[in-house]
């Protein structure tokens, strides 16, 4: 992977962990998710009408990917909120993120014809293994957070392969990212409102502010990742992005009073070694 691209993906990892920490710290996570999506819609609309008014539409083939990814993201957001109801950030987040790189690598091999080197494959395994280790509590994963977190990971793998394919077909990364966030940002609140009614919008000012910042961080983080997928294989990009769990563990310790044990620090070291394998260029 290009060193510059790797650095940007690591920045995206930090941004991703930050918006998840903001969501986890919210007292009304479902409502916070609605605010985050609404923020993404506003940002995407402003970018399309003010920053790049002459930006061409994504290609026809890319629109199928945008539609599929939007549907998958609805499930992802619902499962993510449920996972944070039953588990800590440092527990649910690693399960969700750690299960996805291996699934992405498999999906990219099956549907995009990607083949990886032995070192890259080792890096993906180390990152995934280290991430899953972070989720252990006293030698086991808490049963309460496992089903929703694994379902979240499956959704992550699915939308990563779909978006990785779509952004390559779109003709312009900016067009794909902005139209995707516009579609996804509109669909999630509509579904949540249909499920919860106007209660989906009831949110304190503090939680709404955190969610709005989270929306900004999410669009930046995913935009960078999709751009990186136009420069290299999906599996390594996905695995490197999931180093966000290291940042999540630190943020959970610093701001959410979650425990950071010696085992978790060692797991972070394994993840760093895997990231080094992914970024190595002979």
Protein backbone atom coordinates (compact mmCIF):
# COMPACT_ATOMS: atom_id res chain seq x y z
CA UNK A 1 0.00 0.00 0.00
CA UNK A 2 1.22 3.50 -0.79
CA UNK A 3 2.66 5.07 2.43
CA UNK A 4 0.65 8.25 1.92
CA UNK A 5 -2.55 6.27 1.49
CA UNK A 6 -1.71 4.19 4.56
CA UNK A 7 -1.26 7.36 6.63
CA UNK A 8 -4.61 8.70 5.47
CA UNK A 9 -6.34 5.40 6.30
CA UNK A 10 -4.84 5.56 9.81
CA UNK A 11 -6.21 9.11 10.12
CA UNK A 12 -9.59 7.76 9.01
CA UNK A 13 -9.28 5.09 11.71
CA UNK A 14 -8.85 7.77 14.37
CA UNK A 15 -11.83 9.72 13.02
CA UNK A 16 -13.94 6.57 12.94
CA UNK A 17 -13.10 5.64 16.53
CA UNK A 18 -13.88 9.21 17.60
CA UNK A 19 -17.40 9.27 16.17
CA UNK A 20 -18.11 5.85 17.68
CA UNK A 21 -16.94 7.13 21.06
CA UNK A 22 -19.29 10.11 20.69
CA UNK A 23 -22.17 7.76 19.87
CA UNK A 24 -21.33 5.43 22.78
CA UNK A 25 -21.21 8.38 25.20
CA UNK A 26 -24.65 9.61 24.15
CA UNK A 27 -27.59 9.06 26.51
CA UNK A 28 -30.00 8.58 23.58
CA UNK A 29 -28.06 6.62 20.96
CA UNK A 30 -30.90 5.99 18.54
CA UNK A 31 -31.74 9.68 18.44
CA UNK A 32 -28.05 10.53 18.16
CA UNK A 33 -27.83 8.28 15.11
CA UNK A 34 -30.69 10.24 13.50
CA UNK A 35 -28.84 13.53 14.14
CA UNK A 36 -25.61 12.08 12.72
CA UNK A 37 -27.37 10.99 9.54
CA UNK A 38 -29.11 14.36 9.19
CA UNK A 39 -25.72 16.07 9.54
CA UNK A 40 -24.30 13.89 6.78
CA UNK A 41 -27.21 14.85 4.50
CA UNK A 42 -26.60 18.57 5.07
CA UNK A 43 -22.85 18.24 4.51
CA UNK A 44 -23.30 16.18 1.34
CA UNK A 45 -25.92 18.57 -0.03
CA UNK A 46 -23.71 21.60 0.63
CA UNK A 47 -20.73 19.91 -1.03
CA UNK A 48 -22.77 18.99 -4.11
CA UNK A 49 -24.38 22.40 -4.53
CA UNK A 50 -21.67 24.79 -3.29
CA UNK A 51 -18.23 23.16 -3.39
CA UNK A 52 -18.62 21.02 -6.51
CA UNK A 53 -21.80 22.08 -8.35
CA UNK A 54 -20.47 20.75 -11.66
CA UNK A 55 -19.55 17.32 -10.28
CA UNK A 56 -20.72 14.59 -12.63
CA UNK A 57 -23.14 11.94 -11.37
CA UNK A 58 -21.74 8.50 -10.55
CA UNK A 59 -21.88 5.97 -13.37
CA UNK A 60 -25.00 3.85 -13.82
CA UNK A 61 -23.27 0.75 -12.43
CA UNK A 62 -22.18 2.67 -9.32
CA UNK A 63 -25.80 3.60 -8.53
CA UNK A 64 -26.64 -0.08 -7.99
CA UNK A 65 -23.82 -0.19 -5.43
CA UNK A 66 -25.08 3.00 -3.73
CA UNK A 67 -28.57 1.48 -3.44
CA UNK A 68 -27.25 -1.82 -2.07
CA UNK A 69 -24.88 -0.11 0.36
CA UNK A 70 -27.64 2.19 1.62
CA UNK A 71 -29.80 -0.82 2.46
CA UNK A 72 -26.90 -2.58 4.21
CA UNK A 73 -26.06 0.56 6.20
CA UNK A 74 -29.57 0.66 7.62
CA UNK A 75 -28.97 -2.75 9.19
CA UNK A 76 -25.47 -1.69 10.24
CA UNK A 77 -26.71 1.39 12.11
CA UNK A 78 -29.49 -0.51 13.87
CA UNK A 79 -27.19 -3.35 14.95
CA UNK A 80 -24.52 -0.85 16.07
CA UNK A 81 -26.94 1.00 18.32
CA UNK A 82 -28.12 -2.31 19.79
CA UNK A 83 -24.52 -3.48 20.38
CA UNK A 84 -23.76 -0.30 22.36
CA UNK A 85 -26.81 -0.86 24.53
CA UNK A 86 -25.40 -4.17 25.78
CA UNK A 87 -21.62 -3.69 25.67
CA UNK A 88 -18.81 -1.21 26.30
CA UNK A 89 -17.13 0.67 23.45
CA UNK A 90 -13.96 -1.33 24.11
CA UNK A 91 -15.91 -4.59 23.88
CA UNK A 92 -18.61 -4.25 21.20
CA UNK A 93 -16.49 -2.12 18.85
CA UNK A 94 -13.62 -4.66 18.51
CA UNK A 95 -16.00 -7.55 17.84
CA UNK A 96 -17.72 -5.61 15.07
CA UNK A 97 -14.55 -4.26 13.50
CA UNK A 98 -12.36 -7.33 14.03
CA UNK A 99 -14.64 -9.75 12.22
CA UNK A 100 -14.87 -7.64 9.06
CA UNK A 101 -11.34 -7.62 7.47
CA UNK A 102 -11.26 -11.38 6.95
CA UNK A 103 -14.78 -11.30 5.53
CA UNK A 104 -13.85 -8.37 3.27
CA UNK A 105 -10.78 -10.22 2.02
CA UNK A 106 -12.90 -13.26 1.22
CA UNK A 107 -15.58 -11.15 -0.44
CA UNK A 108 -13.04 -9.21 -2.51
CA UNK A 109 -11.47 -12.48 -3.68
CA UNK A 110 -14.85 -13.92 -4.66
CA UNK A 111 -16.46 -10.86 -6.23
CA UNK A 112 -13.59 -8.57 -7.28
CA UNK A 113 -10.92 -11.15 -8.16
CA UNK A 114 -8.35 -9.74 -5.71
CA UNK A 115 -5.34 -11.87 -4.70
CA UNK A 116 -3.04 -11.01 -1.80
CA UNK A 117 0.56 -11.75 -0.93
CA UNK A 118 1.51 -13.96 2.03
CA UNK A 119 2.76 -10.97 4.04
CA UNK A 120 -0.42 -9.00 3.41
CA UNK A 121 -2.55 -11.98 4.39
CA UNK A 122 -0.50 -12.37 7.58
CA UNK A 123 -1.07 -8.69 8.33
CA UNK A 124 -4.84 -9.08 7.95
CA UNK A 125 -4.86 -12.13 10.24
CA UNK A 126 -2.78 -10.31 12.89
CA UNK A 127 -5.00 -7.24 12.79
CA UNK A 128 -8.21 -9.28 13.02
CA UNK A 129 -6.84 -11.54 15.76
CA UNK A 130 -5.55 -8.65 17.82
CA UNK A 131 -8.83 -6.79 17.44
CA UNK A 132 -10.91 -9.75 18.55
CA UNK A 133 -8.61 -10.23 21.56
CA UNK A 134 -9.46 -6.68 22.65
CA UNK A 135 -13.06 -7.77 23.07
CA UNK A 136 -12.22 -10.48 25.60
CA UNK A 137 -13.30 -9.93 29.19
CA UNK A 138 -11.68 -12.33 31.66
CA UNK A 139 -10.81 -14.71 28.83
CA UNK A 140 -14.18 -14.69 27.11
CA UNK A 141 -16.39 -12.41 25.05
CA UNK A 142 -19.45 -11.08 26.85
CA UNK A 143 -22.46 -12.99 25.49
CA UNK A 144 -24.78 -9.98 25.69
CA UNK A 145 -22.89 -7.94 23.12
CA UNK A 146 -21.81 -10.81 20.82
CA UNK A 147 -24.84 -11.33 18.49
CA UNK A 148 -25.41 -7.66 17.65
CA UNK A 149 -21.67 -6.95 17.33
CA UNK A 150 -21.13 -9.91 14.97
CA UNK A 151 -24.14 -8.85 12.90
CA UNK A 152 -22.60 -5.38 12.74
CA UNK A 153 -19.32 -6.91 11.53
CA UNK A 154 -21.12 -8.84 8.79
CA UNK A 155 -22.79 -5.63 7.63
CA UNK A 156 -19.41 -3.85 7.65
CA UNK A 157 -17.87 -6.53 5.45
CA UNK A 158 -20.84 -6.45 3.05
CA UNK A 159 -20.94 -2.68 2.58
CA UNK A 160 -17.14 -2.45 2.33
CA UNK A 161 -17.05 -4.86 -0.63
CA UNK A 162 -20.06 -3.17 -2.25
CA UNK A 163 -18.66 0.36 -1.78
CA UNK A 164 -15.14 -0.71 -2.75
CA UNK A 165 -16.57 -1.97 -6.04
CA UNK A 166 -18.89 0.99 -6.50
CA UNK A 167 -16.27 3.68 -5.97
CA UNK A 168 -14.11 2.07 -8.65
CA UNK A 169 -17.03 2.11 -11.06
CA UNK A 170 -18.21 5.63 -10.21
CA UNK A 171 -15.68 7.62 -12.22
CA UNK A 172 -15.13 10.06 -9.32
CA UNK A 173 -14.63 9.20 -5.65
CA UNK A 174 -16.20 12.48 -4.49
CA UNK A 175 -19.40 11.83 -6.45
CA UNK A 176 -19.79 8.33 -5.02
CA UNK A 177 -19.10 9.39 -1.43
CA UNK A 178 -21.41 12.40 -1.46
CA UNK A 179 -24.35 10.72 -3.20
CA UNK A 180 -23.98 7.68 -0.97
CA UNK A 181 -24.11 9.79 2.21
CA UNK A 182 -27.06 11.73 0.82
CA UNK A 183 -29.01 8.52 0.16
CA UNK A 184 -27.94 6.75 3.36
CA UNK A 185 -28.42 9.84 5.48
CA UNK A 186 -32.00 10.23 4.29
CA UNK A 187 -32.99 6.56 4.51
CA UNK A 188 -31.87 5.80 8.08
CA UNK A 189 -33.83 8.62 9.80
CA UNK A 190 -36.95 7.80 7.75
CA UNK A 191 -36.83 4.16 8.85
CA UNK A 192 -36.14 5.06 12.48
CA UNK A 193 -38.97 7.59 12.49
CA UNK A 194 -41.31 4.96 11.03
CA UNK A 195 -40.22 2.65 13.85
CA UNK A 196 -40.17 5.11 16.76
CA UNK A 197 -42.25 8.06 15.54
CA UNK A 198 -41.24 11.62 16.43
CA UNK A 199 -39.48 10.25 19.53
CA UNK A 200 -36.56 9.49 17.20
CA UNK A 201 -35.86 13.24 17.10
CA UNK A 202 -36.07 13.86 20.87
CA UNK A 203 -32.49 14.52 21.90
CA UNK A 204 -30.75 16.81 24.38
CA UNK A 205 -28.68 19.70 23.06
CA UNK A 206 -25.47 18.11 24.38
CA UNK A 207 -26.18 14.78 22.69
CA UNK A 208 -27.28 16.51 19.47
CA UNK A 209 -24.05 18.53 19.39
CA UNK A 210 -21.91 15.43 19.89
CA UNK A 211 -23.90 13.61 17.21
CA UNK A 212 -23.46 16.47 14.73
CA UNK A 213 -19.70 16.41 15.27
CA UNK A 214 -19.84 12.63 14.87
CA UNK A 215 -21.62 13.05 11.54
CA UNK A 216 -18.84 15.31 10.27
CA UNK A 217 -16.17 12.84 11.41
CA UNK A 218 -18.00 9.89 9.83
CA UNK A 219 -18.26 11.43 6.37
CA UNK A 220 -14.59 12.42 6.44
CA UNK A 221 -13.46 9.01 7.69
CA UNK A 222 -15.41 6.95 5.17
CA UNK A 223 -14.59 9.30 2.30
CA UNK A 224 -10.88 8.77 2.91
CA UNK A 225 -11.31 4.98 3.11
CA UNK A 226 -13.25 4.79 -0.15
CA UNK A 227 -10.63 6.92 -1.87
CA UNK A 228 -7.92 4.56 -0.58
CA UNK A 229 -9.82 1.61 -2.07
CA UNK A 230 -9.28 3.09 -5.52
CA UNK A 231 -5.52 2.86 -4.87
CA UNK A 232 -5.17 -0.65 -3.42
CA UNK A 233 -6.89 -3.96 -2.59
CA UNK A 234 -9.97 -3.81 -0.36
CA UNK A 235 -8.74 -6.36 2.21
CA UNK A 236 -5.60 -4.50 3.31
CA UNK A 237 -7.37 -1.12 3.32
CA UNK A 238 -10.18 -2.58 5.43
CA UNK A 239 -7.76 -4.22 7.85
CA UNK A 240 -5.67 -1.07 8.25
CA UNK A 241 -8.81 0.97 8.87
CA UNK A 242 -9.78 -1.41 11.66
CA UNK A 243 -6.74 -0.30 13.64
CA UNK A 244 -9.34 2.21 14.79
CA UNK A 245 -9.98 -0.21 17.66
CA UNK A 246 -6.64 0.83 19.15
CA UNK A 247 -7.84 4.42 19.16
CA UNK A 248 -11.22 3.26 20.50
CA UNK A 249 -9.53 1.47 23.41
CA UNK A 250 -7.59 4.63 24.27
CA UNK A 251 -10.63 6.90 23.90
CA UNK A 252 -12.70 4.51 26.01
CA UNK A 253 -10.07 4.67 28.75
CA UNK A 254 -9.58 8.44 28.60
CA UNK A 255 -13.16 9.64 28.26
CA UNK A 256 -15.51 6.77 29.15
CA UNK A 257 -13.65 5.34 32.19
CA UNK A 258 -13.29 1.91 30.55
CA UNK A 259 -10.54 -0.48 31.63
CA UNK A 260 -7.32 -0.75 29.60
CA UNK A 261 -5.56 -3.91 30.82
CA UNK A 262 -2.11 -5.33 30.03
CA UNK A 263 -3.78 -7.87 27.75
CA UNK A 264 -5.48 -5.12 25.78
CA UNK A 265 -2.21 -3.23 25.43
CA UNK A 266 -0.55 -6.44 24.14
CA UNK A 267 -3.42 -6.90 21.66
CA UNK A 268 -2.82 -3.36 20.43
CA UNK A 269 0.81 -4.36 19.82
CA UNK A 270 -0.32 -7.32 17.71
CA UNK A 271 -2.56 -4.99 15.70
CA UNK A 272 0.33 -2.59 15.18
CA UNK A 273 2.51 -5.47 13.93
CA UNK A 274 -0.23 -6.47 11.51
CA UNK A 275 -0.52 -2.87 10.31
CA UNK A 276 3.25 -2.84 9.72
CA UNK A 277 2.90 -5.96 7.56
CA UNK A 278 0.18 -4.26 5.54
CA UNK A 279 2.22 -1.12 5.06
CA UNK A 280 5.53 -2.85 4.28
CA UNK A 281 6.92 -2.24 0.81
CA UNK A 282 10.09 -4.16 -0.15
